[in-house]
């Protein structure tokens, strides 16, 4: 079966206090992050951190995109201004100051490379 040239994906999750991978670009595809949004549905200001991790020759390099960005109660922020391209095997990680109130939405275009 032939691989799709382009595939759109929506990733949703709740950020927790532990940094976890929320998207990994699959083998053979580059992921273009079209939207990365976090909504704070809680009653207090919370913070969020968003990072990119690439592992090459056994060495993982994590680069912060947002670090402890505050989000007011009942508000949201965009984690990426513009587009972000992730190569096969790259991982996007997220963590927050609360285990229940930070809801994450990613819109990804996976394109065959």
C-alpha atoms as a PDB file:
ATOM      1  CA  UNK A   1       0.000   0.000   0.000  1.00  0.00           C
ATOM      2  CA  UNK A   2       1.340   3.437  -0.907  1.00  0.00           C
ATOM      3  CA  UNK A   3       2.009   5.958   1.842  1.00  0.00           C
ATOM      4  CA  UNK A   4      -0.107   9.107   1.940  1.00  0.00           C
ATOM      5  CA  UNK A   5       1.690  12.203   0.667  1.00  0.00           C
ATOM      6  CA  UNK A   6       0.050  14.408   3.317  1.00  0.00           C
ATOM      7  CA  UNK A   7      -1.913  13.549   6.434  1.00  0.00           C
ATOM      8  CA  UNK A   8      -3.520  15.979   8.866  1.00  0.00           C
ATOM      9  CA  UNK A   9      -3.529  15.049  12.564  1.00  0.00           C
ATOM     10  CA  UNK A  10      -5.047  16.598  15.650  1.00  0.00           C
ATOM     11  CA  UNK A  11      -3.415  15.801  18.976  1.00  0.00           C
ATOM     12  CA  UNK A  12      -5.175  16.633  22.232  1.00  0.00           C
ATOM     13  CA  UNK A  13      -3.996  15.984  25.771  1.00  0.00           C
ATOM     14  CA  UNK A  14      -3.888  17.436  29.257  1.00  0.00           C
ATOM     15  CA  UNK A  15      -0.493  18.750  30.382  1.00  0.00           C
ATOM     16  CA  UNK A  16       0.781  17.385  33.686  1.00  0.00           C
ATOM     17  CA  UNK A  17       3.593  18.395  36.002  1.00  0.00           C
ATOM     18  CA  UNK A  18       5.853  15.790  34.362  1.00  0.00           C
ATOM     19  CA  UNK A  19       7.266  16.573  30.916  1.00  0.00           C
ATOM     20  CA  UNK A  20       5.818  14.042  28.485  1.00  0.00           C
ATOM     21  CA  UNK A  21       6.091  13.591  24.745  1.00  0.00           C
ATOM     22  CA  UNK A  22       2.879  14.579  23.018  1.00  0.00           C
ATOM     23  CA  UNK A  23       3.977  14.180  19.395  1.00  0.00           C
ATOM     24  CA  UNK A  24       6.729  12.267  17.643  1.00  0.00           C
ATOM     25  CA  UNK A  25       7.244  12.717  13.910  1.00  0.00           C
ATOM     26  CA  UNK A  26       6.956   9.267  12.302  1.00  0.00           C
ATOM     27  CA  UNK A  27       9.613   7.615  10.152  1.00  0.00           C
ATOM     28  CA  UNK A  28       9.486   8.952   6.595  1.00  0.00           C
ATOM     29  CA  UNK A  29       7.468  12.049   7.466  1.00  0.00           C
ATOM     30  CA  UNK A  30       8.177  15.594   8.562  1.00  0.00           C
ATOM     31  CA  UNK A  31       5.594  17.053  10.892  1.00  0.00           C
ATOM     32  CA  UNK A  32       4.593  20.657  10.340  1.00  0.00           C
ATOM     33  CA  UNK A  33       3.008  22.084  13.481  1.00  0.00           C
ATOM     34  CA  UNK A  34       0.293  24.389  12.220  1.00  0.00           C
ATOM     35  CA  UNK A  35      -1.168  25.206  15.637  1.00  0.00           C
ATOM     36  CA  UNK A  36      -0.075  24.527  19.215  1.00  0.00           C
ATOM     37  CA  UNK A  37      -2.500  25.910  21.765  1.00  0.00           C
ATOM     38  CA  UNK A  38      -2.946  25.502  25.525  1.00  0.00           C
ATOM     39  CA  UNK A  39      -6.128  26.501  27.331  1.00  0.00           C
ATOM     40  CA  UNK A  40      -6.196  27.023  31.086  1.00  0.00           C
ATOM     41  CA  UNK A  41      -9.639  25.847  32.186  1.00  0.00           C
ATOM     42  CA  UNK A  42      -8.826  26.271  35.877  1.00  0.00           C
ATOM     43  CA  UNK A  43      -9.578  29.084  38.307  1.00  0.00           C
ATOM     44  CA  UNK A  44      -5.938  30.091  38.870  1.00  0.00           C
ATOM     45  CA  UNK A  45      -3.052  31.231  36.693  1.00  0.00           C
ATOM     46  CA  UNK A  46      -0.929  28.250  35.605  1.00  0.00           C
ATOM     47  CA  UNK A  47       2.318  27.942  33.675  1.00  0.00           C
ATOM     48  CA  UNK A  48       3.280  25.720  30.757  1.00  0.00           C
ATOM     49  CA  UNK A  49       6.589  24.627  29.240  1.00  0.00           C
ATOM     50  CA  UNK A  50       6.938  23.319  25.669  1.00  0.00           C
ATOM     51  CA  UNK A  51      10.127  21.812  24.239  1.00  0.00           C
ATOM     52  CA  UNK A  52      11.572  20.094  21.188  1.00  0.00           C
ATOM     53  CA  UNK A  53      13.862  17.062  21.607  1.00  0.00           C
ATOM     54  CA  UNK A  54      16.090  15.633  18.894  1.00  0.00           C
ATOM     55  CA  UNK A  55      18.314  12.607  19.430  1.00  0.00           C
ATOM     56  CA  UNK A  56      21.277  12.116  17.123  1.00  0.00           C
ATOM     57  CA  UNK A  57      24.039   9.540  17.603  1.00  0.00           C
ATOM     58  CA  UNK A  58      22.700   8.716  21.045  1.00  0.00           C
ATOM     59  CA  UNK A  59      22.692  12.294  22.328  1.00  0.00           C
ATOM     60  CA  UNK A  60      19.366  13.980  23.110  1.00  0.00           C
ATOM     61  CA  UNK A  61      19.223  17.749  22.788  1.00  0.00           C
ATOM     62  CA  UNK A  62      16.182  19.454  24.282  1.00  0.00           C
ATOM     63  CA  UNK A  63      15.398  23.001  23.193  1.00  0.00           C
ATOM     64  CA  UNK A  64      12.818  25.046  25.072  1.00  0.00           C
ATOM     65  CA  UNK A  65      10.247  26.811  22.931  1.00  0.00           C
ATOM     66  CA  UNK A  66       8.222  28.156  25.871  1.00  0.00           C
ATOM     67  CA  UNK A  67       9.399  27.942  29.476  1.00  0.00           C
ATOM     68  CA  UNK A  68       7.049  28.543  32.391  1.00  0.00           C
ATOM     69  CA  UNK A  69       4.767  30.691  30.247  1.00  0.00           C
ATOM     70  CA  UNK A  70       1.899  32.010  32.401  1.00  0.00           C
ATOM     71  CA  UNK A  71      -1.693  31.444  31.318  1.00  0.00           C
ATOM     72  CA  UNK A  72      -4.414  33.321  33.160  1.00  0.00           C
ATOM     73  CA  UNK A  73      -7.530  31.514  34.330  1.00  0.00           C
ATOM     74  CA  UNK A  74      -9.979  30.813  31.486  1.00  0.00           C
ATOM     75  CA  UNK A  75      -7.474  32.000  28.882  1.00  0.00           C
ATOM     76  CA  UNK A  76      -5.226  30.340  26.313  1.00  0.00           C
ATOM     77  CA  UNK A  77      -1.893  30.895  24.609  1.00  0.00           C
ATOM     78  CA  UNK A  78      -0.305  29.867  21.347  1.00  0.00           C
ATOM     79  CA  UNK A  79       2.910  27.947  21.956  1.00  0.00           C
ATOM     80  CA  UNK A  80       4.297  28.477  18.451  1.00  0.00           C
ATOM     81  CA  UNK A  81       4.138  31.660  16.422  1.00  0.00           C
ATOM     82  CA  UNK A  82       4.187  30.613  12.797  1.00  0.00           C
ATOM     83  CA  UNK A  83       5.048  27.035  11.860  1.00  0.00           C
ATOM     84  CA  UNK A  84       7.419  24.506  13.429  1.00  0.00           C
ATOM     85  CA  UNK A  85       8.899  21.638  11.397  1.00  0.00           C
ATOM     86  CA  UNK A  86       9.860  18.454  13.226  1.00  0.00           C
ATOM     87  CA  UNK A  87      11.937  15.777  11.534  1.00  0.00           C
ATOM     88  CA  UNK A  88      11.366  12.021  11.867  1.00  0.00           C
ATOM     89  CA  UNK A  89      11.995  10.934  15.448  1.00  0.00           C
ATOM     90  CA  UNK A  90      11.816  14.455  16.890  1.00  0.00           C
ATOM     91  CA  UNK A  91       9.608  14.705  19.987  1.00  0.00           C
ATOM     92  CA  UNK A  92       7.547  17.612  21.292  1.00  0.00           C
ATOM     93  CA  UNK A  93       7.243  17.677  25.085  1.00  0.00           C
ATOM     94  CA  UNK A  94       4.884  19.555  27.374  1.00  0.00           C
ATOM     95  CA  UNK A  95       4.541  20.092  31.110  1.00  0.00           C
ATOM     96  CA  UNK A  96       2.535  22.418  33.296  1.00  0.00           C
ATOM     97  CA  UNK A  97       2.140  23.631  36.838  1.00  0.00           C
ATOM     98  CA  UNK A  98      -1.135  21.711  37.277  1.00  0.00           C
ATOM     99  CA  UNK A  99      -2.223  18.135  36.455  1.00  0.00           C
ATOM    100  CA  UNK A 100      -5.778  18.872  35.311  1.00  0.00           C
ATOM    101  CA  UNK A 101      -6.301  22.433  34.066  1.00  0.00           C
ATOM    102  CA  UNK A 102      -4.041  22.797  31.001  1.00  0.00           C
ATOM    103  CA  UNK A 103      -5.616  21.402  27.841  1.00  0.00           C
ATOM    104  CA  UNK A 104      -3.380  21.115  24.796  1.00  0.00           C
ATOM    105  CA  UNK A 105      -4.319  21.031  21.119  1.00  0.00           C
ATOM    106  CA  UNK A 106      -1.848  20.460  18.278  1.00  0.00           C
ATOM    107  CA  UNK A 107      -2.712  20.593  14.600  1.00  0.00           C
ATOM    108  CA  UNK A 108      -0.087  18.753  12.557  1.00  0.00           C
ATOM    109  CA  UNK A 109       0.479  18.258   8.837  1.00  0.00           C
ATOM    110  CA  UNK A 110       2.580  15.144   8.266  1.00  0.00           C
ATOM    111  CA  UNK A 111       4.204  15.271   4.863  1.00  0.00           C
ATOM    112  CA  UNK A 112       6.165  12.510   3.161  1.00  0.00           C
ATOM    113  CA  UNK A 113       9.875  13.254   2.824  1.00  0.00           C
END
